[in-house]
Amino acid sequence: MIKKHIQNLVEKWVKIFPKEAEIMKNITKDKREKYDSSFGEDKDVIEGPLYEIPETLLGMFNMLLSNEELEWLKSREGGMWFAKTFNEIFGLRSRI
């Protein structure tokens, strides 16, 4: 249920802010390349952030997710799921 709610909000964000979504894809693609080259794709330990969330989407999350949903998203499990699920737009690693 939490995952579906987050997925729905991300889909709405992409529809409302398509240009910002495209910019975010380009930014994270550049950062992924930087992280992969500095840490290596085969490194077993991930250092640094897994993903970035733009302010507009973060605002939607803060307004529309419950405290329980926000806490789950901030957890290791939630963060890994978010980074894997939305890697093309928000992920900072090519392999998670």
C-alpha atoms as a PDB file:
ATOM      1  CA  MET A   1       0.000   0.000   0.000  1.00  0.00           C
ATOM      2  CA  ILE A   2       2.804   2.436   0.893  1.00  0.00           C
ATOM      3  CA  LYS A   3       4.722   1.601  -2.276  1.00  0.00           C
ATOM      4  CA  LYS A   4       1.627   2.097  -4.434  1.00  0.00           C
ATOM      5  CA  HIS A   5       0.892   5.465  -2.821  1.00  0.00           C
ATOM      6  CA  ILE A   6       4.464   6.637  -3.468  1.00  0.00           C
ATOM      7  CA  GLN A   7       4.338   5.329  -7.057  1.00  0.00           C
ATOM      8  CA  ASN A   8       1.096   7.217  -7.667  1.00  0.00           C
ATOM      9  CA  LEU A   9       2.587  10.449  -6.325  1.00  0.00           C
ATOM     10  CA  VAL A  10       5.694  10.088  -8.494  1.00  0.00           C
ATOM     11  CA  GLU A  11       3.517   9.450 -11.563  1.00  0.00           C
ATOM     12  CA  LYS A  12       1.440  12.542 -10.781  1.00  0.00           C
ATOM     13  CA  TRP A  13       4.607  14.593 -10.278  1.00  0.00           C
ATOM     14  CA  VAL A  14       5.949  13.486 -13.684  1.00  0.00           C
ATOM     15  CA  LYS A  15       2.645  14.501 -15.333  1.00  0.00           C
ATOM     16  CA  ILE A  16       2.492  17.862 -13.558  1.00  0.00           C
ATOM     17  CA  PHE A  17       6.205  18.694 -13.960  1.00  0.00           C
ATOM     18  CA  PRO A  18       7.408  16.932 -17.133  1.00  0.00           C
ATOM     19  CA  LYS A  19      10.232  19.411 -17.773  1.00  0.00           C
ATOM     20  CA  GLU A  20      11.501  19.082 -14.213  1.00  0.00           C
ATOM     21  CA  ALA A  21      11.362  15.282 -14.553  1.00  0.00           C
ATOM     22  CA  GLU A  22      13.445  15.460 -17.736  1.00  0.00           C
ATOM     23  CA  ILE A  23      15.976  17.785 -16.093  1.00  0.00           C
ATOM     24  CA  MET A  24      16.139  15.447 -13.097  1.00  0.00           C
ATOM     25  CA  LYS A  25      16.836  12.470 -15.388  1.00  0.00           C
ATOM     26  CA  ASN A  26      19.750  14.333 -16.968  1.00  0.00           C
ATOM     27  CA  ILE A  27      21.171  15.478 -13.639  1.00  0.00           C
ATOM     28  CA  THR A  28      21.033  12.036 -12.066  1.00  0.00           C
ATOM     29  CA  LYS A  29      22.452  10.420 -15.218  1.00  0.00           C
ATOM     30  CA  ASP A  30      25.484  12.707 -15.008  1.00  0.00           C
ATOM     31  CA  LYS A  31      25.870  12.024 -11.286  1.00  0.00           C
ATOM     32  CA  ARG A  32      25.499   8.245 -11.829  1.00  0.00           C
ATOM     33  CA  GLU A  33      28.361   8.343 -14.294  1.00  0.00           C
ATOM     34  CA  LYS A  34      30.466  10.311 -11.803  1.00  0.00           C
ATOM     35  CA  TYR A  35      29.728   7.960  -8.915  1.00  0.00           C
ATOM     36  CA  ASP A  36      30.274   4.847 -11.025  1.00  0.00           C
ATOM     37  CA  SER A  37      33.640   6.095 -12.256  1.00  0.00           C
ATOM     38  CA  SER A  38      34.837   7.259  -8.822  1.00  0.00           C
ATOM     39  CA  PHE A  39      33.650   4.240  -6.810  1.00  0.00           C
ATOM     40  CA  GLY A  40      33.517   1.583  -9.535  1.00  0.00           C
ATOM     41  CA  GLU A  41      30.425  -0.331 -10.635  1.00  0.00           C
ATOM     42  CA  ASP A  42      31.592  -3.566  -8.979  1.00  0.00           C
ATOM     43  CA  LYS A  43      32.177  -2.050  -5.555  1.00  0.00           C
ATOM     44  CA  ASP A  44      30.299  -4.042  -2.899  1.00  0.00           C
ATOM     45  CA  VAL A  45      29.844  -1.130  -0.503  1.00  0.00           C
ATOM     46  CA  ILE A  46      27.766   1.819  -1.649  1.00  0.00           C
ATOM     47  CA  GLU A  47      29.098   5.132  -0.415  1.00  0.00           C
ATOM     48  CA  GLY A  48      27.145   8.359  -0.653  1.00  0.00           C
ATOM     49  CA  PRO A  49      23.485   8.940  -1.484  1.00  0.00           C
ATOM     50  CA  LEU A  50      21.362   6.458  -3.426  1.00  0.00           C
ATOM     51  CA  TYR A  51      18.936   8.987  -4.895  1.00  0.00           C
ATOM     52  CA  GLU A  52      17.894  12.630  -5.026  1.00  0.00           C
ATOM     53  CA  ILE A  53      14.364  13.972  -4.710  1.00  0.00           C
ATOM     54  CA  PRO A  54      13.545  17.422  -6.137  1.00  0.00           C
ATOM     55  CA  GLU A  55      11.917  19.996  -3.846  1.00  0.00           C
ATOM     56  CA  THR A  56       8.574  19.873  -5.652  1.00  0.00           C
ATOM     57  CA  LEU A  57       8.242  16.114  -5.186  1.00  0.00           C
ATOM     58  CA  LEU A  58       9.518  16.319  -1.622  1.00  0.00           C
ATOM     59  CA  GLY A  59       6.801  18.888  -0.940  1.00  0.00           C
ATOM     60  CA  MET A  60       4.172  16.518  -2.347  1.00  0.00           C
ATOM     61  CA  PHE A  61       5.519  13.709  -0.175  1.00  0.00           C
ATOM     62  CA  ASN A  62       5.465  15.888   2.946  1.00  0.00           C
ATOM     63  CA  MET A  63       1.906  17.032   2.265  1.00  0.00           C
ATOM     64  CA  LEU A  64       0.357  13.786   1.052  1.00  0.00           C
ATOM     65  CA  LEU A  65       2.186  10.923   2.758  1.00  0.00           C
ATOM     66  CA  SER A  66       1.398   9.928   6.316  1.00  0.00           C
ATOM     67  CA  ASN A  67       4.109  10.009   8.974  1.00  0.00           C
ATOM     68  CA  GLU A  68       4.304   6.213   8.759  1.00  0.00           C
ATOM     69  CA  GLU A  69       4.797   6.352   4.969  1.00  0.00           C
ATOM     70  CA  LEU A  70       7.463   9.061   5.267  1.00  0.00           C
ATOM     71  CA  GLU A  71       9.330   7.086   7.925  1.00  0.00           C
ATOM     72  CA  TRP A  72       9.240   3.982   5.729  1.00  0.00           C
ATOM     73  CA  LEU A  73      10.559   5.946   2.741  1.00  0.00           C
ATOM     74  CA  LYS A  74      13.434   7.247   4.898  1.00  0.00           C
ATOM     75  CA  SER A  75      14.272   3.730   6.118  1.00  0.00           C
ATOM     76  CA  ARG A  76      16.947   1.571   4.515  1.00  0.00           C
ATOM     77  CA  GLU A  77      14.287  -0.698   2.987  1.00  0.00           C
ATOM     78  CA  GLY A  78      12.245   2.219   1.661  1.00  0.00           C
ATOM     79  CA  GLY A  79      15.278   4.060   0.336  1.00  0.00           C
ATOM     80  CA  MET A  80      16.583   1.005  -1.498  1.00  0.00           C
ATOM     81  CA  TRP A  81      13.146   0.329  -2.983  1.00  0.00           C
ATOM     82  CA  PHE A  82      12.771   3.958  -4.114  1.00  0.00           C
ATOM     83  CA  ALA A  83      16.263   4.039  -5.637  1.00  0.00           C
ATOM     84  CA  LYS A  84      15.654   0.796  -7.544  1.00  0.00           C
ATOM     85  CA  THR A  85      12.099   1.586  -8.623  1.00  0.00           C
ATOM     86  CA  PHE A  86      12.793   5.115  -9.843  1.00  0.00           C
ATOM     87  CA  ASN A  87      16.458   4.754 -10.733  1.00  0.00           C
ATOM     88  CA  GLU A  88      16.070   6.323 -14.178  1.00  0.00           C
ATOM     89  CA  ILE A  89      14.767   9.598 -12.745  1.00  0.00           C
ATOM     90  CA  PHE A  90      16.161   9.835  -9.208  1.00  0.00           C
ATOM     91  CA  GLY A  91      18.827   7.135  -8.775  1.00  0.00           C
ATOM     92  CA  LEU A  92      22.461   8.052  -8.310  1.00  0.00           C
ATOM     93  CA  ARG A  93      23.802   4.523  -8.811  1.00  0.00           C
ATOM     94  CA  SER A  94      23.620   2.295 -11.860  1.00  0.00           C
ATOM     95  CA  ARG A  95      23.614  -0.771  -9.597  1.00  0.00           C
ATOM     96  CA  ILE A  96      21.836  -0.904  -6.242  1.00  0.00           C
END
